[in-house]
Amino acid sequence: MILTHEVAQRMISTSQEKARELGMAISTAIVDTEGRLFAFGRMDGTHWLSIDAAQAKAFTGAILRQDGPALQQVPSAMISALSLMQARAVLPMGSITVLRDENDRVIAGIGCSGIGSTGATDVQDGECARAARDAGEPVRLTGDKAGST
């Protein structure tokens, strides 16, 4: 599977639906396997900080090819070094999610952020990112979704 505009837009729409259910506003970034921005959506009412935070989360997941819980185990010195080498923020947050294909290859990094908007937490950001990931069918789901293979 390759990442397409249609799939990315569906992922963004789904993450925003989840945010509305949670009573928050978010920015959602979808990046390709190299961490380059592929698609972006910003809900009304989001703080400008959420733009950069969402993109940094998606970038981090894509370049390190891991979801948030695994990223939180990466040594902080490595995160700092990567951030300096890339000249951009590398955020190993628990809410980061990656989309994988049926062969377990990462095809997208997904970052959602409601920072500064409505008191959103990283846990809520993660719920939105996982909703986006789940909308990126037809791929094998990763992470904490029950029944994933």
C-alpha atoms as a PDB file:
ATOM      1  CA  MET A   1       0.000   0.000   0.000  1.00  0.00           C
ATOM      2  CA  ILE A   2       1.142   3.525  -0.694  1.00  0.00           C
ATOM      3  CA  LEU A   3       0.003   6.680   1.010  1.00  0.00           C
ATOM      4  CA  THR A   4      -2.474   8.603  -1.138  1.00  0.00           C
ATOM      5  CA  HIS A   5      -4.173  11.959  -0.842  1.00  0.00           C
ATOM      6  CA  GLU A   6      -7.537  10.248  -0.376  1.00  0.00           C
ATOM      7  CA  VAL A   7      -6.280   8.046   2.471  1.00  0.00           C
ATOM      8  CA  ALA A   8      -4.487  10.938   4.175  1.00  0.00           C
ATOM      9  CA  GLN A   9      -7.579  13.159   4.020  1.00  0.00           C
ATOM     10  CA  ARG A  10      -9.726  10.353   5.451  1.00  0.00           C
ATOM     11  CA  MET A  11      -7.214   9.959   8.284  1.00  0.00           C
ATOM     12  CA  ILE A  12      -7.323  13.685   9.053  1.00  0.00           C
ATOM     13  CA  SER A  13     -11.135  13.777   8.972  1.00  0.00           C
ATOM     14  CA  THR A  14     -11.331  10.789  11.313  1.00  0.00           C
ATOM     15  CA  SER A  15      -8.867  12.321  13.776  1.00  0.00           C
ATOM     16  CA  GLN A  16     -10.941  15.506  13.811  1.00  0.00           C
ATOM     17  CA  GLU A  17     -14.152  13.536  14.407  1.00  0.00           C
ATOM     18  CA  LYS A  18     -12.475  11.892  17.400  1.00  0.00           C
ATOM     19  CA  ALA A  19     -11.326  15.276  18.697  1.00  0.00           C
ATOM     20  CA  ARG A  20     -14.883  16.600  18.517  1.00  0.00           C
ATOM     21  CA  GLU A  21     -16.080  13.557  20.490  1.00  0.00           C
ATOM     22  CA  LEU A  22     -13.463  14.399  23.128  1.00  0.00           C
ATOM     23  CA  GLY A  23     -14.471  18.067  23.182  1.00  0.00           C
ATOM     24  CA  MET A  24     -11.185  19.395  21.858  1.00  0.00           C
ATOM     25  CA  ALA A  25      -9.626  20.926  18.760  1.00  0.00           C
ATOM     26  CA  ILE A  26      -6.463  19.551  17.136  1.00  0.00           C
ATOM     27  CA  SER A  27      -4.007  19.879  14.324  1.00  0.00           C
ATOM     28  CA  THR A  28      -3.198  16.642  12.499  1.00  0.00           C
ATOM     29  CA  ALA A  29      -0.071  16.004  10.436  1.00  0.00           C
ATOM     30  CA  ILE A  30       0.494  13.045   8.139  1.00  0.00           C
ATOM     31  CA  VAL A  31       4.073  12.621   6.909  1.00  0.00           C
ATOM     32  CA  ASP A  32       5.618  10.159   4.471  1.00  0.00           C
ATOM     33  CA  THR A  33       8.228   7.546   5.392  1.00  0.00           C
ATOM     34  CA  GLU A  34      11.013  10.140   5.256  1.00  0.00           C
ATOM     35  CA  GLY A  35       9.156  12.515   7.565  1.00  0.00           C
ATOM     36  CA  ARG A  36       8.121  15.005   4.879  1.00  0.00           C
ATOM     37  CA  LEU A  37       4.713  16.607   5.301  1.00  0.00           C
ATOM     38  CA  PHE A  38       2.133  14.851   3.124  1.00  0.00           C
ATOM     39  CA  ALA A  39      -1.150  16.252   4.475  1.00  0.00           C
ATOM     40  CA  PHE A  40      -2.211  18.567   7.262  1.00  0.00           C
ATOM     41  CA  GLY A  41      -5.460  19.651   8.883  1.00  0.00           C
ATOM     42  CA  ARG A  42      -6.087  22.280  11.546  1.00  0.00           C
ATOM     43  CA  MET A  43      -9.433  22.559  13.275  1.00  0.00           C
ATOM     44  CA  ASP A  44     -10.983  25.909  14.129  1.00  0.00           C
ATOM     45  CA  GLY A  45      -9.933  26.990  17.599  1.00  0.00           C
ATOM     46  CA  THR A  46      -6.521  25.329  17.687  1.00  0.00           C
ATOM     47  CA  HIS A  47      -3.553  27.262  19.008  1.00  0.00           C
ATOM     48  CA  TRP A  48      -0.731  27.981  16.557  1.00  0.00           C
ATOM     49  CA  LEU A  49       1.633  25.850  18.679  1.00  0.00           C
ATOM     50  CA  SER A  50      -0.350  22.762  17.694  1.00  0.00           C
ATOM     51  CA  ILE A  51       0.792  23.181  14.072  1.00  0.00           C
ATOM     52  CA  ASP A  52       4.465  22.602  14.871  1.00  0.00           C
ATOM     53  CA  ALA A  53       3.778  20.041  17.605  1.00  0.00           C
ATOM     54  CA  ALA A  54       1.665  17.832  15.319  1.00  0.00           C
ATOM     55  CA  GLN A  55       4.277  17.957  12.562  1.00  0.00           C
ATOM     56  CA  ALA A  56       7.123  17.228  14.998  1.00  0.00           C
ATOM     57  CA  LYS A  57       5.266  14.213  16.406  1.00  0.00           C
ATOM     58  CA  ALA A  58       4.564  12.787  12.952  1.00  0.00           C
ATOM     59  CA  PHE A  59       8.177  13.427  11.861  1.00  0.00           C
ATOM     60  CA  THR A  60       9.524  11.653  14.955  1.00  0.00           C
ATOM     61  CA  GLY A  61       7.402   8.551  14.391  1.00  0.00           C
ATOM     62  CA  ALA A  62       8.333   8.345  10.722  1.00  0.00           C
ATOM     63  CA  ILE A  63      12.096   8.782  11.044  1.00  0.00           C
ATOM     64  CA  LEU A  64      12.381   6.441  14.031  1.00  0.00           C
ATOM     65  CA  ARG A  65       9.742   4.054  12.622  1.00  0.00           C
ATOM     66  CA  GLN A  66       8.086   3.514  16.007  1.00  0.00           C
ATOM     67  CA  ASP A  67       4.919   4.338  17.913  1.00  0.00           C
ATOM     68  CA  GLY A  68       4.960   6.550  20.991  1.00  0.00           C
ATOM     69  CA  PRO A  69       5.384   3.955  23.751  1.00  0.00           C
ATOM     70  CA  ALA A  70       8.524   2.561  22.071  1.00  0.00           C
ATOM     71  CA  LEU A  71       9.820   6.079  21.363  1.00  0.00           C
ATOM     72  CA  GLN A  72       9.644   6.934  25.036  1.00  0.00           C
ATOM     73  CA  GLN A  73      12.303   4.274  25.625  1.00  0.00           C
ATOM     74  CA  VAL A  74      14.800   5.920  23.238  1.00  0.00           C
ATOM     75  CA  PRO A  75      17.635   7.510  25.237  1.00  0.00           C
ATOM     76  CA  SER A  76      17.247  11.276  25.606  1.00  0.00           C
ATOM     77  CA  ALA A  77      20.792  11.834  24.299  1.00  0.00           C
ATOM     78  CA  MET A  78      19.793  10.171  21.030  1.00  0.00           C
ATOM     79  CA  ILE A  79      16.643  12.299  20.775  1.00  0.00           C
ATOM     80  CA  SER A  80      18.697  15.452  21.389  1.00  0.00           C
ATOM     81  CA  ALA A  81      21.300  14.441  18.816  1.00  0.00           C
ATOM     82  CA  LEU A  82      18.631  13.696  16.190  1.00  0.00           C
ATOM     83  CA  SER A  83      16.944  17.001  16.880  1.00  0.00           C
ATOM     84  CA  LEU A  84      20.229  18.853  16.384  1.00  0.00           C
ATOM     85  CA  MET A  85      21.156  16.905  13.254  1.00  0.00           C
ATOM     86  CA  GLN A  86      17.747  17.463  11.670  1.00  0.00           C
ATOM     87  CA  ALA A  87      17.506  21.092  12.891  1.00  0.00           C
ATOM     88  CA  ARG A  88      13.944  20.499  14.022  1.00  0.00           C
ATOM     89  CA  ALA A  89      12.036  19.231  17.017  1.00  0.00           C
ATOM     90  CA  VAL A  90      12.045  15.494  17.673  1.00  0.00           C
ATOM     91  CA  LEU A  91       9.294  14.693  20.191  1.00  0.00           C
ATOM     92  CA  PRO A  92       9.129  11.143  21.595  1.00  0.00           C
ATOM     93  CA  MET A  93       5.571  11.560  22.895  1.00  0.00           C
ATOM     94  CA  GLY A  94       3.299   8.666  23.794  1.00  0.00           C
ATOM     95  CA  SER A  95       0.652   9.878  21.356  1.00  0.00           C
ATOM     96  CA  ILE A  96       2.766   9.332  18.226  1.00  0.00           C
ATOM     97  CA  THR A  97       1.401   6.685  15.883  1.00  0.00           C
ATOM     98  CA  VAL A  98       2.703   5.183  12.665  1.00  0.00           C
ATOM     99  CA  LEU A  99       0.758   3.561   9.847  1.00  0.00           C
ATOM    100  CA  ARG A 100       2.179   0.278   8.584  1.00  0.00           C
ATOM    101  CA  ASP A 101       1.401  -1.749   5.504  1.00  0.00           C
ATOM    102  CA  GLU A 102       0.618  -5.476   5.382  1.00  0.00           C
ATOM    103  CA  ASN A 103       4.383  -6.207   5.390  1.00  0.00           C
ATOM    104  CA  ASP A 104       4.910  -4.171   8.589  1.00  0.00           C
ATOM    105  CA  ARG A 105       6.688  -1.334   6.736  1.00  0.00           C
ATOM    106  CA  VAL A 106       6.021   2.185   7.979  1.00  0.00           C
ATOM    107  CA  ILE A 107       4.190   4.195   5.308  1.00  0.00           C
ATOM    108  CA  ALA A 108       3.253   7.258   7.362  1.00  0.00           C
ATOM    109  CA  GLY A 109       3.864   9.046  10.621  1.00  0.00           C
ATOM    110  CA  ILE A 110       0.820  10.561  12.316  1.00  0.00           C
ATOM    111  CA  GLY A 111       0.908  13.415  14.793  1.00  0.00           C
ATOM    112  CA  CYS A 112      -2.022  15.105  16.490  1.00  0.00           C
ATOM    113  CA  SER A 113      -1.788  18.015  18.887  1.00  0.00           C
ATOM    114  CA  GLY A 114      -4.289  20.064  20.809  1.00  0.00           C
ATOM    115  CA  ILE A 115      -1.572  21.932  22.750  1.00  0.00           C
ATOM    116  CA  GLY A 116      -2.637  25.339  23.953  1.00  0.00           C
ATOM    117  CA  SER A 117      -6.152  24.967  22.589  1.00  0.00           C
ATOM    118  CA  THR A 118      -8.558  23.285  24.940  1.00  0.00           C
ATOM    119  CA  GLY A 119      -6.451  21.753  27.682  1.00  0.00           C
ATOM    120  CA  ALA A 120      -5.934  18.606  25.631  1.00  0.00           C
ATOM    121  CA  THR A 121      -3.599  15.951  27.013  1.00  0.00           C
ATOM    122  CA  ASP A 122      -1.105  13.769  25.184  1.00  0.00           C
ATOM    123  CA  VAL A 123      -3.397  10.813  25.927  1.00  0.00           C
ATOM    124  CA  GLN A 124      -6.240  12.544  24.069  1.00  0.00           C
ATOM    125  CA  ASP A 125      -3.871  13.470  21.230  1.00  0.00           C
ATOM    126  CA  GLY A 126      -3.028   9.758  21.031  1.00  0.00           C
ATOM    127  CA  GLU A 127      -6.679   8.765  20.806  1.00  0.00           C
ATOM    128  CA  CYS A 128      -7.042  11.088  17.812  1.00  0.00           C
ATOM    129  CA  ALA A 129      -3.833   9.799  16.179  1.00  0.00           C
ATOM    130  CA  ARG A 130      -4.898   6.168  16.587  1.00  0.00           C
ATOM    131  CA  ALA A 131      -8.312   6.987  15.088  1.00  0.00           C
ATOM    132  CA  ALA A 132      -6.465   8.451  12.101  1.00  0.00           C
ATOM    133  CA  ARG A 133      -4.278   5.362  11.843  1.00  0.00           C
ATOM    134  CA  ASP A 134      -7.298   3.061  11.958  1.00  0.00           C
ATOM    135  CA  ALA A 135      -8.883   5.033   9.090  1.00  0.00           C
ATOM    136  CA  GLY A 136      -5.823   4.358   6.928  1.00  0.00           C
ATOM    137  CA  GLU A 137      -7.095   1.041   5.628  1.00  0.00           C
ATOM    138  CA  PRO A 138      -6.371  -1.526   4.285  1.00  0.00           C
ATOM    139  CA  VAL A 139      -3.295  -1.968   6.443  1.00  0.00           C
ATOM    140  CA  ARG A 140      -2.360  -4.073   9.409  1.00  0.00           C
ATOM    141  CA  LEU A 141      -2.917  -2.035  12.537  1.00  0.00           C
ATOM    142  CA  THR A 142      -0.161  -1.513  15.102  1.00  0.00           C
ATOM    143  CA  GLY A 143      -0.170  -0.384  18.660  1.00  0.00           C
ATOM    144  CA  ASP A 144      -2.828  -0.954  21.249  1.00  0.00           C
ATOM    145  CA  LYS A 145      -5.943  -1.648  19.177  1.00  0.00           C
ATOM    146  CA  ALA A 146      -7.613  -4.821  20.322  1.00  0.00           C
ATOM    147  CA  GLY A 147      -7.536  -7.552  17.754  1.00  0.00           C
ATOM    148  CA  SER A 148      -4.585  -6.203  15.800  1.00  0.00           C
ATOM    149  CA  THR A 149      -2.399  -8.752  14.078  1.00  0.00           C
END
